[in-house]
Every structure is written in C-alpha cells, then in structure tokens.
Amino acid sequence: MTLPTGEQFVLETSTASGDLQATITAVAAGIRTLSINGIDLVPAYGEDASPPSGAGIVLVPWPNRIRDGRWNHDGVDRQLAITEPARNNAIHGLLRNTEYKPIARERDSVTLAATIYPQLGYPFLLGTAVHYELIADGLEVTHYVENLGADAAPVAIGTHPFLKIGGVRTEDLTLRLDAASHIEVDDRLLPTGEVPVDGTDWDFREGRRVGDVELDDAFGELASEDGQVLHTLTAPDGRRVSIWADDEFDYVQVFTTRGFPGEEGDVAIAVEPMTAPAEAFNSGRGLRWLDPGEEWRLSWGIRFEGFSAD
C-alpha cells in the first residue's frame, strides 16, 4: 500500500532517559512522530494522512510566503506557482509534495535527498539533503543544499515542527522565545514592518502560557549563545521540549491551532526555525545566494529535558 507520505523511516535508540523513537517520511522529509519512552514530543498523525498544517515538513528553497508568487531576478519578472490560493501567495518552497530518496540509513539515523529542478519561477538546479539522527537528548537535523547549476541561486531554508509533551495539555505549556523583534503583517500574512517587542504582547522572553495566545507570527533579532538560538516549551512539572538552531536561522515563525487531528480541542503549536522571513525573494532579507558548486550546511534540532527512564 502506498501511503500519502511515502516510505516511513523508523529511527530508534536508547538514552539515559529511555527509548527514543522517531518516524521520518519520504514525502517532504517530514517528522511524523517523535517520542521518549512512549511520551510524544510532537503531535503524531496517522500514516494514512497527509501532514496536517504542514507538520514536520522541510521548506526549501524558501519558507513562508512570497506575495503573488512574484519576484524579479536580473530584471526578469519571475512567476512561481500559487500554492496558497486563498491569499494568492507562493508558500513553503518547492519540495513539500516531493518524495525524497534515502541515501544513507542506520538504526538511529537516515539521510534523505531530493533535487530541485529548474521550473516555473525558479530557473535553478539544486541538490538538497536532510540528515535526521537521534542523539542522547533528542533529534538532530542537518540540511545540505548545493548549487548544481551554472548561475548563482537564491536559497532560504525553513522547517515546520510541531511540539508537545505527551500527557500535558499543550495549552498549559509555557512558551519562551528569545526574540527582540516581531514582524508585522497585512491580512495576507505578508510583512509590513518589524518592531521591537519591548512592552508589547509579542514579548515572549519571560515566557507566556500557550493557551493564552493565538499566533501565526514571525520573530527576529534572536539571541544566540555559543552559536545557537533556543526556543522552549515548559510543562508545569518542569519538563521541557525545545527547538535549538544554528544562528544562521535568524527568524522563527510560531503557529497555533485548535484544529490539529487527534488533539481533542487542545492547542497544537509549531515552532519553525527559518533562515529568512516571508517575502525574502523580494526583500533580500536573510536570503542566501549560492554560487555554482557552493554547498550550504546548517543544523537544528528538538531537545527534551527533565524526562526520566522510570
């Protein structure tokens, strides 16, 4: 039977906190499950379903949105496919429905690869790969992008993980983002400006309860320590699940919904590392231009703390 997300790659390892397991999908190189000792760290969805709200998928060569799918390159107007018809935007890149192929496989890791071929609005050739590996405190993810073409190519990378702590209602978790600015948007969720979060409802540096907010918002000016940025969700009992990312991920999008399948009306929350915000192909913000033959490598991951093997 062929599944909507293609082949399923089950990763397993043993840690001091117990058995760690993940399921990675071939389509969109997505995270479908992640658990420690049977406690979900992401809201799982069925293997017979497509990723709800883009759960766990890779976003390349751009995350978020491009207005009307239009951008200009060397004086030539480019038109990308409109993949968010309701807002007339091109959203989340070109590989969200692509089947990646495994190029390396171990009990605790898998590397999946997909090629971006020249196409409507994006006349560039890229080789991409994603390496998932279970480690002592979670899941480490490394992205590789190589320009296989003859011209410099614009690239930005994002990912779309949802987070949870099984057995605790997500609405009761405390969200902390070490972000000093908030990106304001119009009714199409496209940027209109960036403002400091000081003294506003967008300041999550001291933490806020997830159930008290509704978000589909991007943040910038992320604080970095030892080359990493960190965003956390903490349960009332002190257990924590976090997103860490290389400091090349200069932005983070946070999205909440009460419509995630199987969550029984609870909030589901995605914390999405991005190297660039929406409209990067037009603004240039965070956009990386890869020269022919150049490769870009960067990492992020999901970390758990306070879980015991007992």
Protein backbone atom coordinates (compact mmCIF):
# COMPACT_ATOMS: atom_id res chain seq x y z
CA MET A 1 0.00 0.00 0.00
CA THR A 2 1.32 3.44 -0.94
CA LEU A 3 0.98 6.00 1.86
CA PRO A 4 0.30 9.72 1.38
CA THR A 5 3.71 10.50 2.89
CA GLY A 6 5.53 7.67 1.13
CA GLU A 7 8.04 5.36 2.78
CA GLN A 8 8.29 5.57 6.57
CA PHE A 9 11.73 5.52 8.19
CA VAL A 10 11.56 4.45 11.84
CA LEU A 11 14.57 5.55 13.91
CA GLU A 12 15.35 4.08 17.33
CA THR A 13 17.98 4.45 20.02
CA SER A 14 18.39 4.03 23.78
CA THR A 15 19.19 7.01 26.01
CA ALA A 16 19.65 7.62 29.72
CA SER A 17 16.03 8.81 29.72
CA GLY A 18 14.70 5.71 27.97
CA ASP A 19 13.85 4.61 24.44
CA LEU A 20 13.81 7.36 21.84
CA GLN A 21 11.93 6.81 18.57
CA ALA A 22 11.08 8.86 15.51
CA THR A 23 9.29 8.32 12.21
CA ILE A 24 10.55 10.29 9.21
CA THR A 25 8.54 10.38 5.99
CA ALA A 26 9.88 10.23 2.45
CA VAL A 27 7.45 12.90 1.23
CA ALA A 28 8.72 16.34 2.31
CA ALA A 29 11.34 14.61 4.52
CA GLY A 30 8.94 15.23 7.39
CA ILE A 31 8.84 14.31 11.07
CA ARG A 32 5.67 12.26 11.65
CA THR A 33 6.39 11.01 15.17
CA LEU A 34 8.95 11.60 17.92
CA SER A 35 8.69 10.11 21.41
CA ILE A 36 10.75 9.34 24.50
CA ASN A 37 9.60 6.26 26.44
CA GLY A 38 6.28 6.45 24.60
CA ILE A 39 5.74 10.11 25.55
CA ASP A 40 5.07 12.16 22.42
CA LEU A 41 7.34 15.15 21.80
CA VAL A 42 5.46 16.07 18.62
CA PRO A 43 1.74 15.60 17.91
CA ALA A 44 1.74 12.45 15.79
CA TYR A 45 -0.58 11.95 12.85
CA GLY A 46 -1.64 8.75 11.13
CA GLU A 47 0.39 7.14 8.38
CA ASP A 48 -2.72 7.23 6.18
CA ALA A 49 -2.88 11.06 6.35
CA SER A 50 -1.04 13.96 4.78
CA PRO A 51 0.84 16.27 7.19
CA PRO A 52 -1.82 18.43 8.90
CA SER A 53 -0.88 22.12 8.76
CA GLY A 54 2.43 21.12 7.16
CA ALA A 55 3.52 19.29 10.33
CA GLY A 56 7.21 18.44 10.33
CA ILE A 57 7.96 19.20 6.67
CA VAL A 58 11.06 20.80 5.12
CA LEU A 59 10.65 24.23 3.49
CA VAL A 60 13.16 24.92 0.71
CA PRO A 61 14.21 26.98 -1.26
CA TRP A 62 12.08 29.41 0.74
CA PRO A 63 9.94 29.20 3.88
CA ASN A 64 6.75 31.13 4.44
CA ARG A 65 5.22 33.27 1.67
CA ILE A 66 6.02 35.21 -1.49
CA ARG A 67 3.42 37.82 -2.46
CA ASP A 68 1.52 36.81 -5.60
CA GLY A 69 4.34 34.32 -6.23
CA ARG A 70 6.24 37.11 -8.00
CA TRP A 71 9.83 38.26 -7.76
CA ASN A 72 12.38 39.89 -10.03
CA HIS A 73 15.73 38.37 -10.97
CA ASP A 74 18.26 40.32 -13.05
CA GLY A 75 15.47 42.45 -14.50
CA VAL A 76 13.30 39.45 -15.37
CA ASP A 77 9.93 39.04 -13.64
CA ARG A 78 9.53 35.51 -12.28
CA GLN A 79 6.16 33.89 -11.52
CA LEU A 80 6.05 30.99 -9.07
CA ALA A 81 3.08 28.66 -8.79
CA ILE A 82 0.38 29.95 -6.42
CA THR A 83 0.23 27.31 -3.67
CA GLU A 84 -1.83 29.32 -1.16
CA PRO A 85 -4.80 30.30 -3.37
CA ALA A 86 -6.84 31.85 -0.55
CA ARG A 87 -4.17 34.54 -0.10
CA ASN A 88 -2.70 34.36 -3.62
CA ASN A 89 0.78 33.52 -2.35
CA ALA A 90 3.50 31.01 -3.13
CA ILE A 91 4.13 29.25 0.16
CA HIS A 92 6.75 26.97 1.72
CA GLY A 93 9.02 26.27 -1.21
CA LEU A 94 9.10 23.56 -3.85
CA LEU A 95 9.57 20.23 -2.08
CA ARG A 96 6.57 19.93 0.25
CA ASN A 97 4.99 17.28 -2.00
CA THR A 98 8.22 15.70 -3.25
CA GLU A 99 9.37 12.20 -2.39
CA TYR A 100 12.91 12.25 -1.04
CA LYS A 101 15.14 9.22 -1.63
CA PRO A 102 17.20 7.58 1.14
CA ILE A 103 20.96 7.77 0.54
CA ALA A 104 22.13 6.55 3.96
CA ARG A 105 20.37 4.53 6.64
CA GLU A 106 21.26 3.36 10.17
CA ARG A 107 19.15 2.22 13.11
CA ASP A 108 19.22 5.73 14.61
CA SER A 109 19.56 7.90 11.50
CA VAL A 110 18.52 8.45 7.91
CA THR A 111 19.68 10.81 5.18
CA LEU A 112 17.13 11.75 2.52
CA ALA A 113 17.85 13.61 -0.72
CA ALA A 114 15.79 15.46 -3.32
CA THR A 115 16.67 17.58 -6.35
CA ILE A 116 15.08 20.91 -7.18
CA TYR A 117 14.97 21.15 -10.96
CA PRO A 118 14.52 24.42 -12.91
CA GLN A 119 10.81 25.18 -13.07
CA LEU A 120 8.16 27.87 -13.19
CA GLY A 121 9.52 30.96 -11.45
CA TYR A 122 12.69 29.25 -10.19
CA PRO A 123 15.19 28.53 -13.01
CA PHE A 124 17.84 26.96 -10.79
CA LEU A 125 19.19 23.46 -10.14
CA LEU A 126 19.80 22.46 -6.52
CA GLY A 127 20.76 19.26 -4.80
CA THR A 128 19.29 19.02 -1.30
CA ALA A 129 19.60 16.51 1.53
CA VAL A 130 18.37 16.23 5.12
CA HIS A 131 20.07 14.08 7.76
CA TYR A 132 18.00 13.06 10.80
CA GLU A 133 19.78 11.48 13.76
CA LEU A 134 18.58 10.51 17.22
CA ILE A 135 21.04 11.66 19.90
CA ALA A 136 21.17 11.46 23.70
CA ASP A 137 18.75 14.35 24.29
CA GLY A 138 16.60 14.39 21.17
CA LEU A 139 16.67 14.69 17.40
CA GLU A 140 19.37 16.47 15.40
CA VAL A 141 18.61 17.64 11.85
CA THR A 142 21.22 18.76 9.32
CA HIS A 143 20.34 20.34 5.96
CA TYR A 144 22.57 20.36 2.91
CA VAL A 145 21.94 22.44 -0.20
CA GLU A 146 24.31 22.50 -3.18
CA ASN A 147 24.02 24.66 -6.28
CA LEU A 148 24.34 22.24 -9.19
CA GLY A 149 23.63 24.86 -11.84
CA ALA A 150 25.65 27.42 -13.76
CA ASP A 151 24.22 30.57 -12.11
CA ALA A 152 24.05 31.84 -8.54
CA ALA A 153 20.80 30.68 -6.91
CA PRO A 154 18.71 32.28 -4.12
CA VAL A 155 18.03 29.94 -1.19
CA ALA A 156 16.38 30.12 2.20
CA ILE A 157 15.58 27.18 4.47
CA GLY A 158 12.83 26.57 6.99
CA THR A 159 11.17 23.68 8.73
CA HIS A 160 7.77 23.15 10.32
CA PRO A 161 7.95 21.07 13.53
CA PHE A 162 5.06 20.98 15.96
CA LEU A 163 5.94 20.29 19.62
CA LYS A 164 4.17 18.81 22.63
CA ILE A 165 4.74 16.92 25.86
CA GLY A 166 2.50 13.88 25.91
CA GLY A 167 0.16 13.72 28.89
CA VAL A 168 0.20 17.51 29.39
CA ARG A 169 -2.24 19.76 27.60
CA THR A 170 -0.26 21.96 25.25
CA GLU A 171 -2.36 24.96 26.23
CA ASP A 172 -0.80 24.66 29.72
CA LEU A 173 2.80 24.78 28.46
CA THR A 174 4.85 27.97 28.76
CA LEU A 175 6.35 29.27 25.52
CA ARG A 176 9.61 31.17 25.66
CA LEU A 177 11.16 32.84 22.60
CA ASP A 178 14.38 34.81 22.98
CA ALA A 179 13.32 37.23 20.22
CA ALA A 180 13.64 41.00 20.41
CA SER A 181 11.51 41.91 17.37
CA HIS A 182 8.14 40.99 15.86
CA ILE A 183 7.36 41.11 12.14
CA GLU A 184 4.09 42.92 11.46
CA VAL A 185 1.95 41.61 8.60
CA ASP A 186 -1.06 42.52 6.49
CA ASP A 187 -4.22 40.45 6.03
CA ARG A 188 -2.32 38.12 3.67
CA LEU A 189 0.29 37.44 6.37
CA LEU A 190 2.95 39.30 4.40
CA PRO A 191 5.45 41.63 6.14
CA THR A 192 4.73 45.33 6.55
CA GLY A 193 7.41 46.12 9.11
CA GLU A 194 9.43 44.91 12.08
CA VAL A 195 9.08 46.38 15.57
CA PRO A 196 10.73 45.81 18.98
CA VAL A 197 8.78 43.53 21.29
CA ASP A 198 9.60 45.55 24.41
CA GLY A 199 6.42 46.43 26.28
CA THR A 200 4.15 44.61 23.82
CA ASP A 201 2.14 41.39 23.75
CA TRP A 202 4.79 39.97 21.39
CA ASP A 203 7.43 39.74 24.14
CA PHE A 204 7.88 36.04 24.97
CA ARG A 205 11.33 36.36 26.56
CA GLU A 206 9.97 35.68 30.04
CA GLY A 207 7.51 33.03 28.81
CA ARG A 208 3.75 33.02 28.28
CA ARG A 209 1.11 30.31 28.56
CA VAL A 210 0.31 28.81 25.15
CA GLY A 211 -3.45 28.73 25.80
CA ASP A 212 -3.47 32.49 26.29
CA VAL A 213 -2.22 33.36 22.81
CA GLU A 214 -3.14 32.83 19.16
CA LEU A 215 -0.18 33.04 16.82
CA ASP A 216 0.79 32.87 13.18
CA ASP A 217 3.68 35.26 13.61
CA ALA A 218 7.35 35.63 12.82
CA PHE A 219 10.01 36.97 15.15
CA GLY A 220 13.53 38.25 14.56
CA GLU A 221 16.58 39.56 16.42
CA LEU A 222 17.03 36.17 18.03
CA ALA A 223 19.54 35.90 20.85
CA SER A 224 22.36 33.41 20.25
CA GLU A 225 24.51 31.65 22.82
CA ASP A 226 27.50 29.57 21.75
CA GLY A 227 26.30 29.75 18.15
CA GLN A 228 22.76 28.53 18.84
CA VAL A 229 19.33 30.05 19.31
CA LEU A 230 16.82 28.34 21.62
CA HIS A 231 13.02 28.33 21.91
CA THR A 232 11.34 26.35 24.71
CA LEU A 233 8.04 24.89 25.86
CA THR A 234 7.94 24.05 29.56
CA ALA A 235 5.36 21.97 31.45
CA PRO A 236 4.12 22.88 34.94
CA ASP A 237 6.19 19.96 36.32
CA GLY A 238 9.40 21.39 34.81
CA ARG A 239 9.80 19.03 31.86
CA ARG A 240 10.80 20.84 28.71
CA VAL A 241 10.90 20.36 24.96
CA SER A 242 12.93 22.84 22.92
CA ILE A 243 13.89 23.84 19.42
CA TRP A 244 17.56 24.74 19.05
CA ALA A 245 19.06 26.04 15.82
CA ASP A 246 22.28 27.32 14.31
CA ASP A 247 22.47 31.08 14.49
CA GLU A 248 22.03 31.13 10.70
CA PHE A 249 18.35 30.59 11.49
CA ASP A 250 17.77 34.29 12.13
CA TYR A 251 13.97 34.04 12.32
CA VAL A 252 11.31 31.87 13.89
CA GLN A 253 7.63 31.50 13.00
CA VAL A 254 5.18 30.36 15.66
CA PHE A 255 1.79 28.98 14.67
CA THR A 256 -1.04 27.78 16.92
CA THR A 257 -4.20 25.90 16.01
CA ARG A 258 -7.00 24.07 17.78
CA GLY A 259 -7.71 22.02 14.66
CA PHE A 260 -4.84 19.53 14.73
CA PRO A 261 -6.23 15.98 14.32
CA GLY A 262 -6.30 13.88 17.46
CA GLU A 263 -5.55 16.72 19.87
CA GLU A 264 -9.14 16.82 21.22
CA GLY A 265 -9.54 20.58 21.03
CA ASP A 266 -6.21 21.30 22.70
CA VAL A 267 -3.84 23.81 21.14
CA ALA A 268 -1.17 22.50 18.79
CA ILE A 269 1.89 24.68 18.36
CA ALA A 270 4.53 24.80 15.64
CA VAL A 271 7.87 26.49 16.34
CA GLU A 272 9.52 26.93 12.95
CA PRO A 273 13.20 27.90 12.51
CA MET A 274 13.74 29.95 9.33
CA THR A 275 16.84 31.47 7.75
CA ALA A 276 14.67 34.16 6.15
CA PRO A 277 11.20 35.64 6.73
CA ALA A 278 8.31 35.85 4.30
CA GLU A 279 8.93 37.78 1.07
CA ALA A 280 12.69 37.10 1.19
CA PHE A 281 12.93 36.77 -2.61
CA ASN A 282 11.71 40.36 -2.88
CA SER A 283 13.22 41.96 0.23
CA GLY A 284 16.50 40.03 0.22
CA ARG A 285 16.33 39.69 3.99
CA GLY A 286 18.04 36.51 5.14
CA LEU A 287 18.36 35.30 1.55
CA ARG A 288 21.49 33.31 0.72
CA TRP A 289 22.86 33.34 -2.85
CA LEU A 290 24.75 30.12 -3.55
CA ASP A 291 27.42 30.29 -6.23
CA PRO A 292 27.74 27.41 -8.72
CA GLY A 293 29.20 24.42 -6.88
CA GLU A 294 28.75 26.03 -3.45
CA GLU A 295 27.23 23.97 -0.62
CA TRP A 296 25.38 25.27 2.44
CA ARG A 297 25.14 23.17 5.60
CA LEU A 298 23.21 24.09 8.74
CA SER A 299 21.55 22.31 11.67
CA TRP A 300 18.72 22.49 14.18
CA GLY A 301 17.02 20.00 16.46
CA ILE A 302 14.43 19.07 19.05
CA ARG A 303 15.71 18.62 22.61
CA PHE A 304 13.98 17.17 25.66
CA GLU A 305 14.85 17.84 29.31
CA GLY A 306 13.62 16.54 32.66
CA PHE A 307 12.36 13.15 31.43
CA SER A 308 13.43 10.09 33.41
CA ALA A 309 13.59 6.44 32.45
CA ASP A 310 11.42 5.47 35.45
